[in-house]
Protein backbone atom coordinates (compact mmCIF):
# COMPACT_ATOMS: atom_id res chain seq x y z
CA UNK A 1 0.08 0.00 -0.06
CA UNK A 2 1.14 3.62 -0.86
CA UNK A 3 4.95 2.36 -2.19
CA UNK A 4 5.07 4.93 -4.06
CA UNK A 5 4.56 7.17 -1.45
CA UNK A 6 7.20 5.29 0.63
CA UNK A 7 9.68 5.11 -1.28
CA UNK A 8 9.95 8.97 -2.48
CA UNK A 9 13.45 9.95 -1.61
CA UNK A 10 14.86 6.43 -1.47
CA UNK A 11 17.37 5.58 -3.94
CA UNK A 12 16.83 2.45 -6.17
CA UNK A 13 19.38 0.22 -3.82
CA UNK A 14 17.41 1.36 -0.60
CA UNK A 15 14.32 1.12 -1.91
CA UNK A 16 15.23 -2.74 -3.12
CA UNK A 17 16.48 -3.13 0.35
CA UNK A 18 13.18 -1.91 2.04
CA UNK A 19 10.87 -4.07 -0.69
CA UNK A 20 12.10 -6.97 -0.86
CA UNK A 21 12.32 -8.76 2.76
CA UNK A 22 8.16 -8.09 2.52
CA UNK A 23 7.82 -9.43 -1.24
CA UNK A 24 10.27 -12.29 0.29
CA UNK A 25 7.99 -12.83 3.26
CA UNK A 26 4.66 -12.92 1.12
CA UNK A 27 6.58 -15.24 -1.19
CA UNK A 28 7.24 -17.88 1.59
CA UNK A 29 3.48 -17.68 2.66
CA UNK A 30 2.77 -18.58 -0.99
CA UNK A 31 5.18 -21.50 -0.50
CA UNK A 32 4.21 -22.71 2.38
CA UNK A 33 1.10 -22.91 1.24
CA UNK A 34 1.56 -24.62 -1.50
CA UNK A 35 0.86 -22.19 -4.50
CA UNK A 36 3.36 -20.53 -7.17
CA UNK A 37 4.27 -17.84 -7.39
CA UNK A 38 3.67 -16.38 -10.73
CA UNK A 39 5.19 -12.83 -11.55
CA UNK A 40 6.40 -10.91 -8.81
CA UNK A 41 5.91 -7.03 -9.55
CA UNK A 42 8.03 -3.80 -7.90
CA UNK A 43 5.90 -4.03 -4.96
CA UNK A 44 3.61 -7.27 -4.64
CA UNK A 45 3.27 -10.42 -6.21
CA UNK A 46 0.83 -13.30 -8.10
CA UNK A 47 0.58 -16.48 -6.97
CA UNK A 48 -2.08 -19.37 -7.86
CA UNK A 49 -3.19 -22.25 -6.07
CA UNK A 50 -4.21 -25.42 -8.11
CA UNK A 51 -1.76 -24.67 -10.97
CA UNK A 52 0.37 -26.24 -12.48
CA UNK A 53 -0.14 -29.18 -9.67
CA UNK A 54 -4.16 -29.72 -9.41
CA UNK A 55 -4.97 -29.26 -5.40
CA UNK A 56 -8.22 -30.37 -4.55
CA UNK A 57 -8.11 -27.22 -1.30
CA UNK A 58 -6.33 -25.02 -3.70
CA UNK A 59 -9.06 -22.05 -2.15
CA UNK A 60 -8.06 -23.05 1.57
CA UNK A 61 -4.58 -22.73 0.48
CA UNK A 62 -5.12 -19.01 -1.34
CA UNK A 63 -6.69 -17.85 2.09
CA UNK A 64 -4.18 -19.85 4.70
CA UNK A 65 -1.47 -18.08 2.59
CA UNK A 66 -3.11 -14.68 2.90
CA UNK A 67 -3.43 -14.95 6.35
CA UNK A 68 0.22 -15.84 6.97
CA UNK A 69 1.11 -12.87 4.87
CA UNK A 70 -0.88 -10.13 7.04
CA UNK A 71 0.40 -11.73 9.58
CA UNK A 72 4.43 -12.08 9.02
CA UNK A 73 3.64 -8.83 7.71
CA UNK A 74 2.11 -7.06 10.23
CA UNK A 75 5.21 -7.69 12.28
CA UNK A 76 7.90 -6.80 10.10
CA UNK A 77 6.01 -3.49 9.49
CA UNK A 78 6.34 -2.97 13.38
CA UNK A 79 10.17 -3.62 13.25
CA UNK A 80 10.24 -0.80 10.19
CA UNK A 81 8.38 1.55 11.93
CA UNK A 82 10.68 1.18 14.86
CA UNK A 83 13.66 1.46 12.80
CA UNK A 84 12.74 4.00 10.26
CA UNK A 85 9.09 4.82 11.00
CA UNK A 86 7.84 3.87 7.51
CA UNK A 87 4.52 2.50 7.41
CA UNK A 88 3.90 -0.74 5.93
CA UNK A 89 0.47 -2.98 5.28
CA UNK A 90 -0.61 -5.24 2.33
CA UNK A 91 -3.48 -5.36 0.29
CA UNK A 92 -4.62 -9.40 -0.74
CA UNK A 93 -6.92 -9.77 -3.34
CA UNK A 94 -8.27 -13.38 -3.96
CA UNK A 95 -10.48 -14.78 -6.52
CA UNK A 96 -11.40 -18.39 -7.49
CA UNK A 97 -12.22 -19.68 -11.20
CA UNK A 98 -10.80 -20.71 -14.24
CA UNK A 99 -7.64 -19.80 -16.32
CA UNK A 100 -5.66 -20.69 -18.94
CA UNK A 101 -2.28 -20.64 -17.46
CA UNK A 102 1.10 -20.71 -19.98
CA UNK A 103 4.60 -19.39 -20.35
CA UNK A 104 5.39 -15.87 -22.50
CA UNK A 105 8.65 -15.47 -23.50
CA UNK A 106 11.42 -15.82 -26.11
CA UNK A 107 15.36 -16.97 -24.93
CA UNK A 108 15.45 -14.00 -22.90
CA UNK A 109 12.85 -14.23 -21.35
CA UNK A 110 10.29 -16.48 -19.99
CA UNK A 111 7.07 -15.83 -17.17
CA UNK A 112 4.39 -18.07 -16.37
CA UNK A 113 1.39 -16.19 -16.20
CA UNK A 114 -2.44 -17.52 -16.30
CA UNK A 115 -4.65 -15.63 -18.44
CA UNK A 116 -8.43 -14.90 -17.85
CA UNK A 117 -11.87 -12.91 -16.17
CA UNK A 118 -11.04 -14.97 -12.44
CA UNK A 119 -7.28 -13.74 -12.96
CA UNK A 120 -9.00 -9.71 -13.44
CA UNK A 121 -11.08 -10.45 -10.58
CA UNK A 122 -8.61 -11.27 -8.11
CA UNK A 123 -6.69 -7.97 -9.57
CA UNK A 124 -9.74 -5.86 -8.26
CA UNK A 125 -10.40 -7.38 -5.08
CA UNK A 126 -6.68 -6.49 -3.86
CA UNK A 127 -7.37 -2.74 -5.44
CA UNK A 128 -10.78 -2.55 -3.39
CA UNK A 129 -9.38 -4.03 -0.32
CA UNK A 130 -8.47 -1.59 2.77
CA UNK A 131 -4.44 -1.70 3.72
CA UNK A 132 -3.85 -4.96 5.99
CA UNK A 133 -6.89 -6.66 4.65
CA UNK A 134 -7.64 -9.87 2.15
CA UNK A 135 -11.45 -9.68 0.22
CA UNK A 136 -12.81 -12.06 -1.71
CA UNK A 137 -15.16 -13.22 -4.14
CA UNK A 138 -18.46 -14.74 -3.87
CA UNK A 139 -17.17 -17.79 -5.62
CA UNK A 140 -14.08 -18.22 -2.88
CA UNK A 141 -16.43 -17.28 -0.28
CA UNK A 142 -18.95 -19.95 -1.58
CA UNK A 143 -15.95 -22.51 -1.29
CA UNK A 144 -14.39 -21.94 1.73
CA UNK A 145 -17.18 -20.33 3.84
CA UNK A 146 -17.33 -23.38 6.03
CA UNK A 147 -13.78 -23.54 7.14
CA UNK A 148 -12.89 -19.22 7.50
CA UNK A 149 -14.76 -16.23 8.96
CA UNK A 150 -15.68 -13.57 6.90
CA UNK A 151 -17.75 -10.53 7.09
CA UNK A 152 -19.76 -9.60 3.68
CA UNK A 153 -19.07 -6.46 2.38
CA UNK A 154 -22.16 -5.95 -0.18
CA UNK A 155 -22.19 -5.77 -3.00
CA UNK A 156 -19.44 -3.83 -5.50
CA UNK A 157 -19.69 -2.63 -8.57
CA UNK A 158 -16.22 -4.18 -10.02
CA UNK A 159 -14.32 -2.47 -13.40
CA UNK A 160 -14.70 -5.69 -15.78
CA UNK A 161 -18.10 -6.89 -13.94
CA UNK A 162 -21.47 -5.69 -16.00
CA UNK A 163 -23.12 -6.76 -12.49
CA UNK A 164 -22.22 -5.15 -8.70
CA UNK A 165 -20.09 -8.48 -7.20
CA UNK A 166 -20.72 -10.19 -3.63
CA UNK A 167 -17.42 -8.71 -1.82
CA UNK A 168 -16.28 -10.66 1.49
CA UNK A 169 -13.88 -9.57 4.06
CA UNK A 170 -11.84 -12.67 5.61
CA UNK A 171 -11.07 -12.47 9.31
CA UNK A 172 -9.72 -15.57 9.75
CA UNK A 173 -10.09 -19.11 9.99
CA UNK A 174 -12.86 -21.28 11.85
CA UNK A 175 -12.09 -22.81 15.06
CA UNK A 176 -10.25 -26.10 14.40
CA UNK A 177 -13.21 -29.06 13.46
CA UNK A 178 -12.77 -31.55 11.02
CA UNK A 179 -13.54 -31.01 7.49
CA UNK A 180 -17.01 -33.78 7.60
CA UNK A 181 -17.57 -31.96 10.63
CA UNK A 182 -17.72 -28.95 9.12
CA UNK A 183 -19.48 -30.26 6.18
CA UNK A 184 -22.20 -31.41 8.36
CA UNK A 185 -23.23 -27.83 9.46
CA UNK A 186 -24.08 -27.34 5.62
CA UNK A 187 -26.10 -30.79 5.17
CA UNK A 188 -24.31 -34.09 4.31
CA UNK A 189 -25.13 -35.78 1.30
CA UNK A 190 -27.24 -38.80 1.11
CA UNK A 191 -26.74 -42.61 0.70
CA UNK A 192 -28.44 -43.52 -2.83
CA UNK A 193 -29.18 -47.61 -3.06
CA UNK A 194 -27.70 -48.51 0.81
CA UNK A 195 -31.02 -48.45 2.86
CA UNK A 196 -29.93 -51.97 4.29
CA UNK A 197 -26.41 -50.36 5.45
């Protein structure tokens, strides 16, 4: 958040020394949750969960990574504030959807990048998020609401979407319980053809 303001007046080497530890903390959170960093921007990253390796629980992994990012960057920011009087916060956006992933480039440059509307929606969530928060779309919310706590932020007009989208703020994980117990609160699938058993 506001990296241009933070870096104003610093030479490029000082800027790199300031931002690199923060980017590394974010990348570590992604890798720890089994994700792939597909792009590192000057002051942010783009991460994929469920690609290139399919992961059944990819939305959950993305949210655990987002929570870890916020937690570790918050601790790092407290140190920066003491040492350099700099306020550092991050915003995270998460969306779940289909993308096409491929390598783009030539002999001198190669980037592993996702393409699709789902990527744009994730970026829009990050833009809409307040500093220090994580916003998710309804598609991510529906897949993870049994395992995480959210606050509904209402329908929001988002560039690139015809209709306003339901947006949710991630608060944290639900108290520890098994997947079966969590799923049971929303109803289990009935057995078919198993009357005797």
